[in-house]
């Protein structure tokens, strides 16, 4: 999969970080450099605080935005994940620690 950077973050390639989501059970990726574009050609990039144990990513992380049955939407701040009310899963509206990635 890649290189484990800390307790909760993996790097799969330069500029691409991954973390486990305790809400939907998936793996979410964020791009922290300006080399990744979406299907419309727009640069997709998150700001990262550089802490692999207590990461903060800005802006929010939105997965499956066009499918409410699988949507997972959260803020990751200081190693905690705050799930927004538009998530499909039971952790919507709750904030929990990011799980350690073994």
N, C-alpha and C. Protein backbone atom coordinates (compact mmCIF):
# COMPACT_ATOMS: atom_id res chain seq x y z
N UNK A 1 0.82 -1.20 0.00
CA UNK A 1 0.00 0.00 0.00
C UNK A 1 0.86 1.25 0.00
N UNK A 2 1.95 1.25 0.72
CA UNK A 2 2.77 2.44 0.76
C UNK A 2 3.60 2.50 2.03
N UNK A 3 3.88 3.70 2.46
CA UNK A 3 4.74 3.93 3.61
C UNK A 3 3.89 4.46 4.77
N UNK A 4 4.03 3.84 5.91
CA UNK A 4 3.34 4.34 7.11
C UNK A 4 4.11 5.54 7.62
N UNK A 5 3.45 6.69 7.71
CA UNK A 5 4.11 7.91 8.16
C UNK A 5 3.97 8.13 9.65
N UNK A 6 2.96 7.60 10.25
CA UNK A 6 2.70 7.77 11.67
C UNK A 6 1.66 6.76 12.10
N UNK A 7 0.98 7.05 13.20
CA UNK A 7 -0.01 6.12 13.72
C UNK A 7 -1.23 5.98 12.81
N UNK A 8 -1.61 7.05 12.10
CA UNK A 8 -2.90 7.03 11.40
C UNK A 8 -2.80 7.33 9.91
N UNK A 9 -1.63 7.63 9.40
CA UNK A 9 -1.48 8.07 8.00
C UNK A 9 -0.52 7.16 7.23
N UNK A 10 -0.92 6.81 6.02
CA UNK A 10 -0.05 6.15 5.05
C UNK A 10 0.14 7.08 3.87
N UNK A 11 1.29 6.95 3.22
CA UNK A 11 1.54 7.67 1.98
C UNK A 11 1.71 6.63 0.89
N UNK A 12 0.83 6.67 -0.12
CA UNK A 12 0.88 5.67 -1.18
C UNK A 12 1.84 6.07 -2.30
N UNK A 13 1.99 7.37 -2.49
CA UNK A 13 2.92 7.92 -3.47
C UNK A 13 3.13 9.38 -3.08
N UNK A 14 4.12 10.04 -3.64
CA UNK A 14 4.32 11.44 -3.26
C UNK A 14 3.04 12.26 -3.43
N UNK A 15 2.68 12.99 -2.39
CA UNK A 15 1.52 13.86 -2.44
C UNK A 15 0.18 13.20 -2.19
N UNK A 16 0.16 11.89 -1.91
CA UNK A 16 -1.10 11.18 -1.69
C UNK A 16 -1.07 10.50 -0.32
N UNK A 17 -1.96 10.93 0.57
CA UNK A 17 -2.06 10.37 1.91
C UNK A 17 -3.38 9.62 2.06
N UNK A 18 -3.36 8.60 2.94
CA UNK A 18 -4.53 7.77 3.18
C UNK A 18 -4.77 7.66 4.68
N UNK A 19 -6.05 7.56 5.07
CA UNK A 19 -6.39 7.26 6.46
C UNK A 19 -7.63 6.36 6.48
N UNK A 20 -7.74 5.58 7.55
CA UNK A 20 -8.89 4.70 7.71
C UNK A 20 -10.05 5.49 8.28
N UNK A 21 -11.25 5.20 7.78
CA UNK A 21 -12.44 5.88 8.25
C UNK A 21 -13.26 4.94 9.13
N UNK A 22 -13.43 5.29 10.41
CA UNK A 22 -14.23 4.43 11.28
C UNK A 22 -15.73 4.55 11.03
N UNK A 23 -16.15 5.52 10.25
CA UNK A 23 -17.57 5.69 9.96
C UNK A 23 -18.06 4.75 8.88
N UNK A 24 -17.47 4.86 7.71
CA UNK A 24 -17.91 4.04 6.58
C UNK A 24 -17.09 2.77 6.42
N UNK A 25 -15.98 2.68 7.16
CA UNK A 25 -15.13 1.49 7.07
C UNK A 25 -14.20 1.49 5.88
N UNK A 26 -14.16 2.60 5.15
CA UNK A 26 -13.32 2.69 3.97
C UNK A 26 -11.98 3.34 4.26
N UNK A 27 -11.20 3.48 3.21
CA UNK A 27 -9.92 4.18 3.25
C UNK A 27 -10.12 5.45 2.43
N UNK A 28 -9.81 6.61 3.02
CA UNK A 28 -9.97 7.87 2.31
C UNK A 28 -8.61 8.43 1.94
N UNK A 29 -8.54 9.04 0.78
CA UNK A 29 -7.29 9.63 0.32
C UNK A 29 -7.43 11.14 0.21
N UNK A 30 -6.33 11.81 0.47
CA UNK A 30 -6.25 13.26 0.27
C UNK A 30 -4.97 13.55 -0.50
N UNK A 31 -5.03 14.55 -1.35
CA UNK A 31 -3.89 14.96 -2.16
C UNK A 31 -3.32 16.23 -1.55
N UNK A 32 -2.04 16.19 -1.22
CA UNK A 32 -1.44 17.34 -0.54
C UNK A 32 -0.46 18.11 -1.42
N UNK A 33 -0.45 17.81 -2.71
CA UNK A 33 0.33 18.62 -3.65
C UNK A 33 -0.57 19.03 -4.80
N UNK A 34 -0.04 19.76 -5.74
CA UNK A 34 -0.89 20.31 -6.81
C UNK A 34 -0.79 19.54 -8.12
N UNK A 35 -0.49 18.25 -8.05
CA UNK A 35 -0.34 17.46 -9.27
C UNK A 35 -1.56 16.61 -9.60
N UNK A 36 -2.60 16.65 -8.76
CA UNK A 36 -3.77 15.81 -8.96
C UNK A 36 -4.96 16.66 -9.40
N UNK A 37 -5.66 16.15 -10.41
CA UNK A 37 -6.82 16.87 -10.96
C UNK A 37 -8.04 15.96 -10.96
N UNK A 38 -9.21 16.57 -10.82
CA UNK A 38 -10.44 15.79 -10.91
C UNK A 38 -10.83 15.60 -12.37
N UNK A 39 -11.96 14.96 -12.62
CA UNK A 39 -12.35 14.66 -14.00
C UNK A 39 -12.65 15.91 -14.82
N UNK A 40 -12.89 17.04 -14.15
CA UNK A 40 -13.10 18.31 -14.85
C UNK A 40 -11.79 19.05 -15.10
N UNK A 41 -10.68 18.49 -14.63
CA UNK A 41 -9.38 19.10 -14.84
C UNK A 41 -8.98 20.12 -13.79
N UNK A 42 -9.76 20.23 -12.72
CA UNK A 42 -9.47 21.18 -11.64
C UNK A 42 -8.52 20.53 -10.63
N UNK A 43 -7.52 21.27 -10.20
CA UNK A 43 -6.57 20.76 -9.20
C UNK A 43 -7.31 20.45 -7.91
N UNK A 44 -7.06 19.26 -7.37
CA UNK A 44 -7.63 18.82 -6.11
C UNK A 44 -6.50 18.78 -5.09
N UNK A 45 -6.63 19.56 -4.02
CA UNK A 45 -5.54 19.62 -3.04
C UNK A 45 -6.08 20.00 -1.67
N UNK A 46 -5.57 19.30 -0.65
CA UNK A 46 -5.87 19.62 0.74
C UNK A 46 -4.64 20.21 1.40
N UNK A 47 -4.85 21.05 2.36
CA UNK A 47 -3.76 21.52 3.22
C UNK A 47 -3.63 20.51 4.35
N UNK A 48 -2.40 20.21 4.73
CA UNK A 48 -2.12 19.25 5.79
C UNK A 48 -1.21 19.91 6.80
N UNK A 49 -1.45 19.70 8.08
CA UNK A 49 -0.62 20.30 9.12
C UNK A 49 0.73 19.62 9.28
N UNK A 50 0.98 18.53 8.56
CA UNK A 50 2.26 17.84 8.60
C UNK A 50 2.41 16.84 9.73
N UNK A 51 1.41 16.67 10.56
CA UNK A 51 1.49 15.76 11.70
C UNK A 51 0.89 14.41 11.32
N UNK A 52 1.72 13.34 11.23
CA UNK A 52 1.21 12.03 10.81
C UNK A 52 0.45 11.30 11.92
N UNK A 53 0.52 11.80 13.15
CA UNK A 53 -0.20 11.17 14.26
C UNK A 53 -1.50 11.89 14.61
N UNK A 54 -1.51 13.21 14.43
CA UNK A 54 -2.71 14.02 14.70
C UNK A 54 -2.94 14.97 13.54
N UNK A 55 -3.29 14.40 12.38
CA UNK A 55 -3.42 15.22 11.18
C UNK A 55 -4.63 16.15 11.20
N UNK A 56 -4.47 17.26 10.51
CA UNK A 56 -5.57 18.15 10.16
C UNK A 56 -5.52 18.31 8.65
N UNK A 57 -6.68 18.14 8.00
CA UNK A 57 -6.78 18.35 6.56
C UNK A 57 -7.84 19.41 6.32
N UNK A 58 -7.54 20.31 5.42
CA UNK A 58 -8.50 21.34 5.02
C UNK A 58 -8.54 21.39 3.51
N UNK A 59 -9.66 21.42 2.87
CA UNK A 59 -11.01 21.49 3.41
C UNK A 59 -11.51 20.12 3.87
N UNK A 60 -12.82 20.00 4.02
CA UNK A 60 -13.42 18.74 4.45
C UNK A 60 -13.15 17.64 3.42
N UNK A 61 -13.32 16.41 3.86
CA UNK A 61 -13.14 15.24 3.00
C UNK A 61 -14.54 14.71 2.67
N UNK A 62 -14.87 14.71 1.38
CA UNK A 62 -16.19 14.27 0.92
C UNK A 62 -16.02 13.10 -0.03
N UNK A 63 -16.61 11.97 0.33
CA UNK A 63 -16.52 10.74 -0.47
C UNK A 63 -17.93 10.39 -0.94
N UNK A 64 -18.06 9.99 -2.19
CA UNK A 64 -19.34 9.61 -2.81
C UNK A 64 -20.37 10.73 -2.70
N UNK A 65 -19.96 11.93 -3.09
CA UNK A 65 -20.83 13.10 -2.94
C UNK A 65 -22.14 12.98 -3.72
N UNK A 66 -22.13 12.24 -4.81
CA UNK A 66 -23.33 12.14 -5.63
C UNK A 66 -24.22 10.94 -5.29
N UNK A 67 -23.84 10.18 -4.27
CA UNK A 67 -24.63 9.01 -3.90
C UNK A 67 -24.90 9.03 -2.39
N UNK A 68 -26.04 9.57 -1.97
CA UNK A 68 -26.33 9.70 -0.54
C UNK A 68 -26.30 8.38 0.23
N UNK A 69 -26.50 7.25 -0.44
CA UNK A 69 -26.48 5.96 0.25
C UNK A 69 -25.07 5.57 0.69
N UNK A 70 -24.04 6.21 0.13
CA UNK A 70 -22.66 5.87 0.46
C UNK A 70 -21.83 7.10 0.84
N UNK A 71 -22.45 8.25 0.96
CA UNK A 71 -21.72 9.50 1.22
C UNK A 71 -21.08 9.48 2.61
N UNK A 72 -19.82 9.88 2.64
CA UNK A 72 -19.09 10.05 3.89
C UNK A 72 -18.44 11.43 3.82
N UNK A 73 -18.75 12.29 4.76
CA UNK A 73 -18.31 13.68 4.72
C UNK A 73 -17.81 14.06 6.10
N UNK A 74 -16.57 14.56 6.17
CA UNK A 74 -15.99 14.82 7.49
C UNK A 74 -14.94 15.92 7.45
N UNK A 75 -14.69 16.44 8.64
CA UNK A 75 -13.53 17.30 8.90
C UNK A 75 -12.54 16.46 9.68
N UNK A 76 -11.27 16.54 9.33
CA UNK A 76 -10.22 15.88 10.09
C UNK A 76 -9.41 16.98 10.75
N UNK A 77 -9.45 17.00 12.10
CA UNK A 77 -8.78 18.06 12.85
C UNK A 77 -8.05 17.45 14.05
N UNK A 78 -6.75 17.69 14.10
CA UNK A 78 -5.93 17.26 15.24
C UNK A 78 -6.12 15.78 15.59
N UNK A 79 -6.16 14.93 14.57
CA UNK A 79 -6.26 13.50 14.78
C UNK A 79 -7.64 12.98 15.11
N UNK A 80 -8.63 13.84 14.99
CA UNK A 80 -10.03 13.45 15.23
C UNK A 80 -10.82 13.68 13.95
N UNK A 81 -11.83 12.87 13.76
CA UNK A 81 -12.65 12.98 12.56
C UNK A 81 -14.07 13.34 12.99
N UNK A 82 -14.52 14.46 12.47
CA UNK A 82 -15.86 14.99 12.79
C UNK A 82 -16.77 14.72 11.59
N UNK A 83 -17.72 13.82 11.78
CA UNK A 83 -18.61 13.42 10.69
C UNK A 83 -19.76 14.41 10.59
N UNK A 84 -20.03 14.85 9.37
CA UNK A 84 -21.09 15.81 9.14
C UNK A 84 -22.44 15.11 8.99
N UNK A 85 -23.51 15.88 9.03
CA UNK A 85 -24.86 15.31 9.08
C UNK A 85 -25.31 14.67 7.76
N UNK A 86 -24.55 14.86 6.67
CA UNK A 86 -24.95 14.26 5.40
C UNK A 86 -24.32 12.89 5.15
N UNK A 87 -23.67 12.31 6.17
CA UNK A 87 -23.12 10.95 6.06
C UNK A 87 -24.25 9.93 6.11
N UNK A 88 -24.01 8.76 5.53
CA UNK A 88 -25.01 7.69 5.54
C UNK A 88 -24.91 6.81 6.78
N UNK A 89 -23.78 6.83 7.47
CA UNK A 89 -23.50 5.84 8.52
C UNK A 89 -23.86 6.33 9.92
N UNK A 90 -23.70 5.44 10.89
CA UNK A 90 -24.13 5.70 12.26
C UNK A 90 -23.28 6.74 13.00
N UNK A 91 -22.11 7.10 12.48
CA UNK A 91 -21.28 8.11 13.16
C UNK A 91 -21.58 9.53 12.71
N UNK A 92 -22.58 9.72 11.82
CA UNK A 92 -22.90 11.08 11.38
C UNK A 92 -23.23 11.94 12.60
N UNK A 93 -22.68 13.16 12.59
CA UNK A 93 -22.89 14.08 13.70
C UNK A 93 -22.00 13.84 14.90
N UNK A 94 -21.11 12.85 14.83
CA UNK A 94 -20.24 12.52 15.96
C UNK A 94 -18.79 12.82 15.60
N UNK A 95 -17.96 12.96 16.63
CA UNK A 95 -16.52 13.16 16.47
C UNK A 95 -15.80 12.07 17.23
N UNK A 96 -14.85 11.40 16.55
CA UNK A 96 -14.08 10.31 17.16
C UNK A 96 -12.62 10.44 16.76
N UNK A 97 -11.75 9.74 17.49
CA UNK A 97 -10.34 9.69 17.12
C UNK A 97 -10.16 8.90 15.85
N UNK A 98 -9.21 9.32 15.01
CA UNK A 98 -8.83 8.49 13.87
C UNK A 98 -8.21 7.21 14.42
N UNK A 99 -8.55 6.08 13.84
CA UNK A 99 -7.98 4.83 14.35
C UNK A 99 -6.51 4.67 13.94
N UNK A 100 -5.74 4.04 14.82
CA UNK A 100 -4.37 3.68 14.46
C UNK A 100 -4.43 2.69 13.31
N UNK A 101 -3.50 2.83 12.39
CA UNK A 101 -3.47 1.96 11.22
C UNK A 101 -2.35 0.94 11.42
N UNK A 102 -2.74 -0.30 11.67
CA UNK A 102 -1.74 -1.36 11.92
C UNK A 102 -1.27 -1.98 10.64
